[in-house]
Amino acid sequence: MSSTLGAAQVTAGYQAATGPDAADEPDRLARWTDGYRPEPGRPDEYRDADGRPRGAWPRLLERLARLSEPEIMARFVSAERHIRDTGISFRIYGDQREHAWPLGSLPLVIEAAEWRSLSAGLIQRAELMEAVLADVYGPG
């Protein structure tokens, strides 16, 4: 999401963000998800093979639906500003320019059990890499 909002608009967004009425939540959720269709033949993080939302997605979307649209926009703008202000960037091999880190509008939702498995594998691979480097270059 590219930000073109000025500081006054962001401030106004924060001040106006009191959240929708609880009665609006189901309508907002339906508006966000009713037209959603996974792309055929591609993995889908949001829906399982039977078309049901996966894991924590319903909870995340319900919490987002409690926020007003100006509040959601203000949070995205704030995150983009933080990335820019702290200099979070990357370079493409062979390119001298730095590129701002792109920020997706929605996070990748990982359940606790899946994260435990992923983190164990990441730790194992990091330890292996450290052992290989120590073997090649000697102890640190």
Foldseek 3Di string as FASTA:
>chain_A
DDDPDDPVLLVVLVVPKPFDDPVCLVVVLCVVPVPDDDDPPDDDQQADPVGHGDDCVVVVSSVVNRIDPSVLVSVVVVVQVVQVVVVPWDDDVPDPDTGGDDDDSDDRDDDPVRVVVVVVVVVVVVVVVQVVCCVVPNDD
